[in-house]
Amino acid sequence: FSLVLSLLEPREACGPLQALALKLLVQLVHTLHYCIPKEQQTSVDVEVVLIKLLNTMSPRKQNEAGELIPPSLNYTILLLDTIPLLVHPPSDAGSGEELKELLVIVGCYEKLLEVMNLLSRADESSCTTEERKQLVMAVFAALTSIMADSPAAKESFEGRQGYSTLKRAVEVLVLPDQEILQAALDMVVEGSFAYLEEAHTIYNTSCVGMLLQWLPSLPG
């Protein structure tokens, strides 16, 4: 496990090695969670793996001014893109509900909002508007994957963070546009929202209020 974590370095950059390490960590979590009987003791705990993985999105190392340096934006987006793979169980492995609950317990929601807040305080010249938007969309995709088919995960987010907090965090980074609206609609239907379909089932009703507040500001 420690060896795989070491492959994520340096987090201040992002390359094929980090992508490979994240794929290995997904496989490790799935093996520990789905393949090893719970009564068997292992030297690596899934909860510990998830905590350490999420913590790699936190700043570290002080620069000459004594400020903490965050991981590269590309690395953060890469890790966020890993979360949907993490909570999607292998075929015939059953529900991913327990992994979703573990992510909530270890503070995944808080970490996602922390990542957005850190970027909002960063120098605007450090990233483009498009990069900020890509981060927001990756956060939406991660949230959608955790809350999909999980009433407990949805209830926890609404009770601890709430969509008003998410809305403010997004608006500090970027002006919501059609792509962000699409990501939010995906969260509402807990899947891919297709405009050509005649009807969709709304699974996340609490997210609808955030969408309705954004609609008037969207370009026609």
C-alpha atoms as a PDB file:
ATOM      1  CA  PHE A   1       0.000   0.000   0.000  1.00  0.00           C
ATOM      2  CA  SER A   2       2.764   2.441   0.940  1.00  0.00           C
ATOM      3  CA  LEU A   3       4.528   1.647  -2.303  1.00  0.00           C
ATOM      4  CA  VAL A   4       1.421   2.463  -4.351  1.00  0.00           C
ATOM      5  CA  LEU A   5       0.945   5.727  -2.458  1.00  0.00           C
ATOM      6  CA  SER A   6       4.549   6.658  -3.179  1.00  0.00           C
ATOM      7  CA  LEU A   7       3.797   6.400  -6.895  1.00  0.00           C
ATOM      8  CA  LEU A   8       1.460   9.395  -6.552  1.00  0.00           C
ATOM      9  CA  GLU A   9       4.464  11.618  -5.977  1.00  0.00           C
ATOM     10  CA  PRO A  10       5.131  14.346  -6.794  1.00  0.00           C
ATOM     11  CA  ARG A  11       1.579  15.564  -6.426  1.00  0.00           C
ATOM     12  CA  GLU A  12       2.666  19.007  -7.543  1.00  0.00           C
ATOM     13  CA  ALA A  13       2.890  17.502 -11.029  1.00  0.00           C
ATOM     14  CA  CYS A  14       0.715  15.010 -12.869  1.00  0.00           C
ATOM     15  CA  GLY A  15       1.670  12.278 -15.274  1.00  0.00           C
ATOM     16  CA  PRO A  16       1.072   8.663 -16.354  1.00  0.00           C
ATOM     17  CA  LEU A  17       2.605   7.298 -13.143  1.00  0.00           C
ATOM     18  CA  GLN A  18      -0.003   9.000 -10.967  1.00  0.00           C
ATOM     19  CA  ALA A  19      -2.798   7.749 -13.237  1.00  0.00           C
ATOM     20  CA  LEU A  20      -1.455   4.203 -12.933  1.00  0.00           C
ATOM     21  CA  ALA A  21      -1.148   4.511  -9.134  1.00  0.00           C
ATOM     22  CA  LEU A  22      -4.771   5.642  -8.817  1.00  0.00           C
ATOM     23  CA  LYS A  23      -5.939   2.673 -10.902  1.00  0.00           C
ATOM     24  CA  LEU A  24      -3.936   0.380  -8.610  1.00  0.00           C
ATOM     25  CA  LEU A  25      -5.506   1.973  -5.534  1.00  0.00           C
ATOM     26  CA  VAL A  26      -8.998   1.403  -6.930  1.00  0.00           C
ATOM     27  CA  GLN A  27      -8.121  -2.256  -7.470  1.00  0.00           C
ATOM     28  CA  LEU A  28      -6.664  -2.451  -3.967  1.00  0.00           C
ATOM     29  CA  VAL A  29      -9.807  -1.013  -2.370  1.00  0.00           C
ATOM     30  CA  HIS A  30     -12.065  -3.317  -4.383  1.00  0.00           C
ATOM     31  CA  THR A  31      -9.956  -6.361  -3.480  1.00  0.00           C
ATOM     32  CA  LEU A  32      -9.937  -5.512   0.214  1.00  0.00           C
ATOM     33  CA  HIS A  33     -13.621  -4.663   0.331  1.00  0.00           C
ATOM     34  CA  TYR A  34     -15.188  -7.266  -1.942  1.00  0.00           C
ATOM     35  CA  CYS A  35     -12.779 -10.208  -2.112  1.00  0.00           C
ATOM     36  CA  ILE A  36     -11.428 -10.680   1.402  1.00  0.00           C
ATOM     37  CA  PRO A  37     -13.885 -12.087   3.978  1.00  0.00           C
ATOM     38  CA  LYS A  38     -14.549  -9.615   6.780  1.00  0.00           C
ATOM     39  CA  GLU A  39     -13.570 -12.122   9.436  1.00  0.00           C
ATOM     40  CA  GLN A  40     -10.048 -12.301   8.014  1.00  0.00           C
ATOM     41  CA  GLN A  41      -7.685  -9.724   9.405  1.00  0.00           C
ATOM     42  CA  THR A  42      -5.654  -7.666   6.941  1.00  0.00           C
ATOM     43  CA  SER A  43      -2.752  -5.346   7.516  1.00  0.00           C
ATOM     44  CA  VAL A  44      -4.421  -2.673   5.396  1.00  0.00           C
ATOM     45  CA  ASP A  45      -7.807  -1.201   6.320  1.00  0.00           C
ATOM     46  CA  VAL A  46     -10.054   0.187   3.573  1.00  0.00           C
ATOM     47  CA  GLU A  47     -10.922   3.224   5.688  1.00  0.00           C
ATOM     48  CA  VAL A  48      -7.228   4.045   6.125  1.00  0.00           C
ATOM     49  CA  VAL A  49      -6.667   3.740   2.363  1.00  0.00           C
ATOM     50  CA  LEU A  50      -9.539   6.135   1.654  1.00  0.00           C
ATOM     51  CA  ILE A  51      -8.334   8.682   4.226  1.00  0.00           C
ATOM     52  CA  LYS A  52      -4.789   8.683   2.865  1.00  0.00           C
ATOM     53  CA  LEU A  53      -6.046   8.906  -0.701  1.00  0.00           C
ATOM     54  CA  LEU A  54      -8.302  11.893   0.018  1.00  0.00           C
ATOM     55  CA  ASN A  55      -5.537  13.602   1.975  1.00  0.00           C
ATOM     56  CA  THR A  56      -3.338  13.679  -1.123  1.00  0.00           C
ATOM     57  CA  MET A  57      -5.616  16.506  -2.338  1.00  0.00           C
ATOM     58  CA  SER A  58      -4.582  18.673   0.630  1.00  0.00           C
ATOM     59  CA  PRO A  59      -1.782  21.254   0.425  1.00  0.00           C
ATOM     60  CA  ARG A  60       1.658  20.453   1.813  1.00  0.00           C
ATOM     61  CA  LYS A  61       5.223  21.748   1.670  1.00  0.00           C
ATOM     62  CA  GLN A  62       5.783  25.383   2.430  1.00  0.00           C
ATOM     63  CA  ASN A  63       7.224  27.708  -0.171  1.00  0.00           C
ATOM     64  CA  GLU A  64       9.693  30.484   0.609  1.00  0.00           C
ATOM     65  CA  ALA A  65       6.858  32.700   1.837  1.00  0.00           C
ATOM     66  CA  GLY A  66       5.782  30.024   4.292  1.00  0.00           C
ATOM     67  CA  GLU A  67       2.627  29.188   2.368  1.00  0.00           C
ATOM     68  CA  LEU A  68       1.366  25.662   1.765  1.00  0.00           C
ATOM     69  CA  ILE A  69       1.525  24.443  -1.816  1.00  0.00           C
ATOM     70  CA  PRO A  70      -1.529  22.551  -3.113  1.00  0.00           C
ATOM     71  CA  PRO A  71      -1.269  19.587  -5.477  1.00  0.00           C
ATOM     72  CA  SER A  72      -1.440  20.409  -9.160  1.00  0.00           C
ATOM     73  CA  LEU A  73      -4.932  21.051 -10.476  1.00  0.00           C
ATOM     74  CA  ASN A  74      -4.516  18.262 -13.025  1.00  0.00           C
ATOM     75  CA  TYR A  75      -3.658  15.794 -10.256  1.00  0.00           C
ATOM     76  CA  THR A  76      -6.680  16.875  -8.207  1.00  0.00           C
ATOM     77  CA  ILE A  77      -9.015  16.459 -11.185  1.00  0.00           C
ATOM     78  CA  LEU A  78      -7.468  13.056 -11.915  1.00  0.00           C
ATOM     79  CA  LEU A  79      -8.155  11.933  -8.343  1.00  0.00           C
ATOM     80  CA  LEU A  80     -11.702  13.312  -8.442  1.00  0.00           C
ATOM     81  CA  ASP A  81     -12.289  11.336 -11.641  1.00  0.00           C
ATOM     82  CA  THR A  82     -11.197   8.238  -9.726  1.00  0.00           C
ATOM     83  CA  ILE A  83     -14.008   8.477  -7.155  1.00  0.00           C
ATOM     84  CA  PRO A  84     -16.778   7.264  -9.513  1.00  0.00           C
ATOM     85  CA  LEU A  85     -14.583   4.254 -10.385  1.00  0.00           C
ATOM     86  CA  LEU A  86     -13.991   3.650  -6.694  1.00  0.00           C
ATOM     87  CA  VAL A  87     -17.660   3.460  -5.726  1.00  0.00           C
ATOM     88  CA  HIS A  88     -18.654   1.424  -8.774  1.00  0.00           C
ATOM     89  CA  PRO A  89     -18.471  -2.206  -7.650  1.00  0.00           C
ATOM     90  CA  PRO A  90     -16.953  -4.903  -9.869  1.00  0.00           C
ATOM     91  CA  SER A  91     -19.444  -7.088 -11.721  1.00  0.00           C
ATOM     92  CA  ASP A  92     -21.313  -9.519  -9.471  1.00  0.00           C
ATOM     93  CA  ALA A  93     -19.798  -7.875  -6.388  1.00  0.00           C
ATOM     94  CA  GLY A  94     -23.037  -6.506  -5.027  1.00  0.00           C
ATOM     95  CA  SER A  95     -23.832  -2.957  -3.977  1.00  0.00           C
ATOM     96  CA  GLY A  96     -21.256  -0.228  -3.492  1.00  0.00           C
ATOM     97  CA  GLU A  97     -23.322   1.239  -0.640  1.00  0.00           C
ATOM     98  CA  GLU A  98     -20.785   0.385   2.063  1.00  0.00           C
ATOM     99  CA  LEU A  99     -17.945   2.095   0.200  1.00  0.00           C
ATOM    100  CA  LYS A 100     -20.127   5.170  -0.259  1.00  0.00           C
ATOM    101  CA  GLU A 101     -20.866   5.217   3.458  1.00  0.00           C
ATOM    102  CA  LEU A 102     -17.150   4.892   4.211  1.00  0.00           C
ATOM    103  CA  LEU A 103     -16.334   7.836   1.939  1.00  0.00           C
ATOM    104  CA  VAL A 104     -18.918   9.941   3.771  1.00  0.00           C
ATOM    105  CA  ILE A 105     -17.551   8.836   7.158  1.00  0.00           C
ATOM    106  CA  VAL A 106     -13.932   9.704   6.289  1.00  0.00           C
ATOM    107  CA  GLY A 107     -14.920  13.206   5.166  1.00  0.00           C
ATOM    108  CA  CYS A 108     -15.111  12.982   1.391  1.00  0.00           C
ATOM    109  CA  TYR A 109     -17.796  15.682   1.154  1.00  0.00           C
ATOM    110  CA  GLU A 110     -15.723  18.049   3.257  1.00  0.00           C
ATOM    111  CA  LYS A 111     -12.638  17.321   1.158  1.00  0.00           C
ATOM    112  CA  LEU A 112     -14.450  18.074  -2.110  1.00  0.00           C
ATOM    113  CA  LEU A 113     -15.609  21.462  -0.828  1.00  0.00           C
ATOM    114  CA  GLU A 114     -12.146  22.128   0.615  1.00  0.00           C
ATOM    115  CA  VAL A 115     -10.622  21.567  -2.815  1.00  0.00           C
ATOM    116  CA  MET A 116     -13.005  24.113  -4.350  1.00  0.00           C
ATOM    117  CA  ASN A 117     -12.385  26.645  -1.582  1.00  0.00           C
ATOM    118  CA  LEU A 118      -8.604  26.291  -1.921  1.00  0.00           C
ATOM    119  CA  LEU A 119      -8.799  26.965  -5.633  1.00  0.00           C
ATOM    120  CA  SER A 120     -10.975  30.022  -5.029  1.00  0.00           C
ATOM    121  CA  ARG A 121      -8.166  31.517  -2.923  1.00  0.00           C
ATOM    122  CA  ALA A 122      -5.459  30.733  -5.459  1.00  0.00           C
ATOM    123  CA  ASP A 123      -3.945  33.336  -7.750  1.00  0.00           C
ATOM    124  CA  GLU A 124      -6.180  33.694 -10.800  1.00  0.00           C
ATOM    125  CA  SER A 125      -3.117  33.450 -13.044  1.00  0.00           C
ATOM    126  CA  SER A 126      -2.384  29.948 -11.705  1.00  0.00           C
ATOM    127  CA  CYS A 127      -5.205  28.389 -13.726  1.00  0.00           C
ATOM    128  CA  THR A 128      -7.606  29.229 -16.501  1.00  0.00           C
ATOM    129  CA  THR A 129     -11.369  29.594 -16.303  1.00  0.00           C
ATOM    130  CA  GLU A 130     -11.685  26.358 -18.271  1.00  0.00           C
ATOM    131  CA  GLU A 131      -9.522  24.516 -15.730  1.00  0.00           C
ATOM    132  CA  ARG A 132     -11.658  25.837 -12.887  1.00  0.00           C
ATOM    133  CA  LYS A 133     -14.749  24.643 -14.708  1.00  0.00           C
ATOM    134  CA  GLN A 134     -13.218  21.196 -15.237  1.00  0.00           C
ATOM    135  CA  LEU A 135     -12.604  20.956 -11.484  1.00  0.00           C
ATOM    136  CA  VAL A 136     -16.206  21.940 -10.715  1.00  0.00           C
ATOM    137  CA  MET A 137     -17.538  19.349 -13.142  1.00  0.00           C
ATOM    138  CA  ALA A 138     -15.271  16.682 -11.641  1.00  0.00           C
ATOM    139  CA  VAL A 139     -16.614  17.547  -8.170  1.00  0.00           C
ATOM    140  CA  PHE A 140     -20.176  17.213  -9.454  1.00  0.00           C
ATOM    141  CA  ALA A 141     -19.389  13.833 -11.016  1.00  0.00           C
ATOM    142  CA  ALA A 142     -17.797  12.611  -7.768  1.00  0.00           C
ATOM    143  CA  LEU A 143     -20.769  13.790  -5.703  1.00  0.00           C
ATOM    144  CA  THR A 144     -23.220  12.202  -8.128  1.00  0.00           C
ATOM    145  CA  SER A 145     -21.433   8.850  -7.958  1.00  0.00           C
ATOM    146  CA  ILE A 146     -21.485   8.828  -4.150  1.00  0.00           C
ATOM    147  CA  MET A 147     -25.117   9.884  -3.773  1.00  0.00           C
ATOM    148  CA  ALA A 148     -26.568   7.755  -6.588  1.00  0.00           C
ATOM    149  CA  ASP A 149     -28.914   5.063  -5.239  1.00  0.00           C
ATOM    150  CA  SER A 150     -27.932   6.011  -1.693  1.00  0.00           C
ATOM    151  CA  PRO A 151     -30.599   7.841   0.352  1.00  0.00           C
ATOM    152  CA  ALA A 152     -28.211   7.883   3.325  1.00  0.00           C
ATOM    153  CA  ALA A 153     -25.461   9.607   1.316  1.00  0.00           C
ATOM    154  CA  LYS A 154     -27.904  12.202  -0.029  1.00  0.00           C
ATOM    155  CA  GLU A 155     -29.297  12.871   3.432  1.00  0.00           C
ATOM    156  CA  SER A 156     -25.813  13.223   4.870  1.00  0.00           C
ATOM    157  CA  PHE A 157     -24.755  15.772   2.251  1.00  0.00           C
ATOM    158  CA  GLU A 158     -27.877  17.831   2.667  1.00  0.00           C
ATOM    159  CA  GLY A 159     -27.595  17.778   6.449  1.00  0.00           C
ATOM    160  CA  ARG A 160     -23.870  18.470   6.767  1.00  0.00           C
ATOM    161  CA  GLN A 161     -22.997  20.661   3.776  1.00  0.00           C
ATOM    162  CA  GLY A 162     -26.102  21.437   1.772  1.00  0.00           C
ATOM    163  CA  TYR A 163     -26.673  22.619  -1.758  1.00  0.00           C
ATOM    164  CA  SER A 164     -26.496  26.284  -0.796  1.00  0.00           C
ATOM    165  CA  THR A 165     -22.874  25.707   0.281  1.00  0.00           C
ATOM    166  CA  LEU A 166     -22.129  23.872  -2.955  1.00  0.00           C
ATOM    167  CA  LYS A 167     -23.797  26.625  -4.981  1.00  0.00           C
ATOM    168  CA  ARG A 168     -21.683  29.338  -3.339  1.00  0.00           C
ATOM    169  CA  ALA A 169     -18.474  27.331  -3.818  1.00  0.00           C
ATOM    170  CA  VAL A 170     -19.222  26.924  -7.531  1.00  0.00           C
ATOM    171  CA  GLU A 171     -20.117  30.574  -8.083  1.00  0.00           C
ATOM    172  CA  VAL A 172     -16.885  31.774  -6.483  1.00  0.00           C
ATOM    173  CA  LEU A 173     -14.928  29.758  -9.038  1.00  0.00           C
ATOM    174  CA  VAL A 174     -16.922  30.119 -12.253  1.00  0.00           C
ATOM    175  CA  LEU A 175     -20.159  31.411 -13.682  1.00  0.00           C
ATOM    176  CA  PRO A 176     -22.454  28.425 -14.181  1.00  0.00           C
ATOM    177  CA  ASP A 177     -22.847  27.664 -17.880  1.00  0.00           C
ATOM    178  CA  GLN A 178     -24.454  24.960 -20.001  1.00  0.00           C
ATOM    179  CA  GLU A 179     -21.802  22.348 -19.148  1.00  0.00           C
ATOM    180  CA  ILE A 180     -22.114  22.891 -15.414  1.00  0.00           C
ATOM    181  CA  LEU A 181     -25.890  22.825 -15.773  1.00  0.00           C
ATOM    182  CA  GLN A 182     -25.496  19.438 -17.501  1.00  0.00           C
ATOM    183  CA  ALA A 183     -23.366  18.150 -14.604  1.00  0.00           C
ATOM    184  CA  ALA A 184     -26.014  19.308 -12.126  1.00  0.00           C
ATOM    185  CA  LEU A 185     -28.780  17.706 -14.184  1.00  0.00           C
ATOM    186  CA  ASP A 186     -26.811  14.458 -14.124  1.00  0.00           C
ATOM    187  CA  MET A 187     -26.863  14.725 -10.333  1.00  0.00           C
ATOM    188  CA  VAL A 188     -30.628  15.253 -10.337  1.00  0.00           C
ATOM    189  CA  VAL A 189     -31.294  12.104 -12.396  1.00  0.00           C
ATOM    190  CA  GLU A 190     -28.305  10.204 -10.966  1.00  0.00           C
ATOM    191  CA  GLY A 191     -27.072   9.325 -14.416  1.00  0.00           C
ATOM    192  CA  SER A 192     -26.644  10.923 -17.808  1.00  0.00           C
ATOM    193  CA  PHE A 193     -29.294  13.536 -18.522  1.00  0.00           C
ATOM    194  CA  ALA A 194     -30.209  13.365 -22.222  1.00  0.00           C
ATOM    195  CA  TYR A 195     -32.181  16.304 -23.546  1.00  0.00           C
ATOM    196  CA  LEU A 196     -33.740  14.236 -26.338  1.00  0.00           C
ATOM    197  CA  GLU A 197     -35.426  11.826 -23.944  1.00  0.00           C
ATOM    198  CA  GLU A 198     -39.069  12.562 -23.271  1.00  0.00           C
ATOM    199  CA  ALA A 199     -38.958  11.937 -19.539  1.00  0.00           C
ATOM    200  CA  HIS A 200     -36.459  11.518 -16.726  1.00  0.00           C
ATOM    201  CA  THR A 201     -36.913  10.296 -13.187  1.00  0.00           C
ATOM    202  CA  ILE A 202     -35.803  12.792 -10.551  1.00  0.00           C
ATOM    203  CA  TYR A 203     -33.872  10.995  -7.825  1.00  0.00           C
ATOM    204  CA  ASN A 204     -32.212  13.989  -6.171  1.00  0.00           C
ATOM    205  CA  THR A 205     -34.976  16.493  -5.502  1.00  0.00           C
ATOM    206  CA  SER A 206     -32.849  18.691  -3.240  1.00  0.00           C
ATOM    207  CA  CYS A 207     -30.501  19.531  -6.118  1.00  0.00           C
ATOM    208  CA  VAL A 208     -33.399  20.908  -8.170  1.00  0.00           C
ATOM    209  CA  GLY A 209     -33.579  24.082  -6.072  1.00  0.00           C
ATOM    210  CA  MET A 210     -29.965  24.925  -6.906  1.00  0.00           C
ATOM    211  CA  LEU A 211     -30.679  24.413 -10.600  1.00  0.00           C
ATOM    212  CA  LEU A 212     -33.719  26.674 -10.544  1.00  0.00           C
ATOM    213  CA  GLN A 213     -31.645  29.482  -9.030  1.00  0.00           C
ATOM    214  CA  TRP A 214     -29.073  29.172 -11.810  1.00  0.00           C
ATOM    215  CA  LEU A 215     -31.435  29.016 -14.761  1.00  0.00           C
ATOM    216  CA  PRO A 216     -32.160  32.789 -15.030  1.00  0.00           C
ATOM    217  CA  SER A 217     -28.433  33.592 -15.216  1.00  0.00           C
ATOM    218  CA  LEU A 218     -27.631  31.100 -17.972  1.00  0.00           C
ATOM    219  CA  PRO A 219     -27.027  32.511 -21.449  1.00  0.00           C
ATOM    220  CA  GLY A 220     -29.927  32.001 -23.793  1.00  0.00           C
END
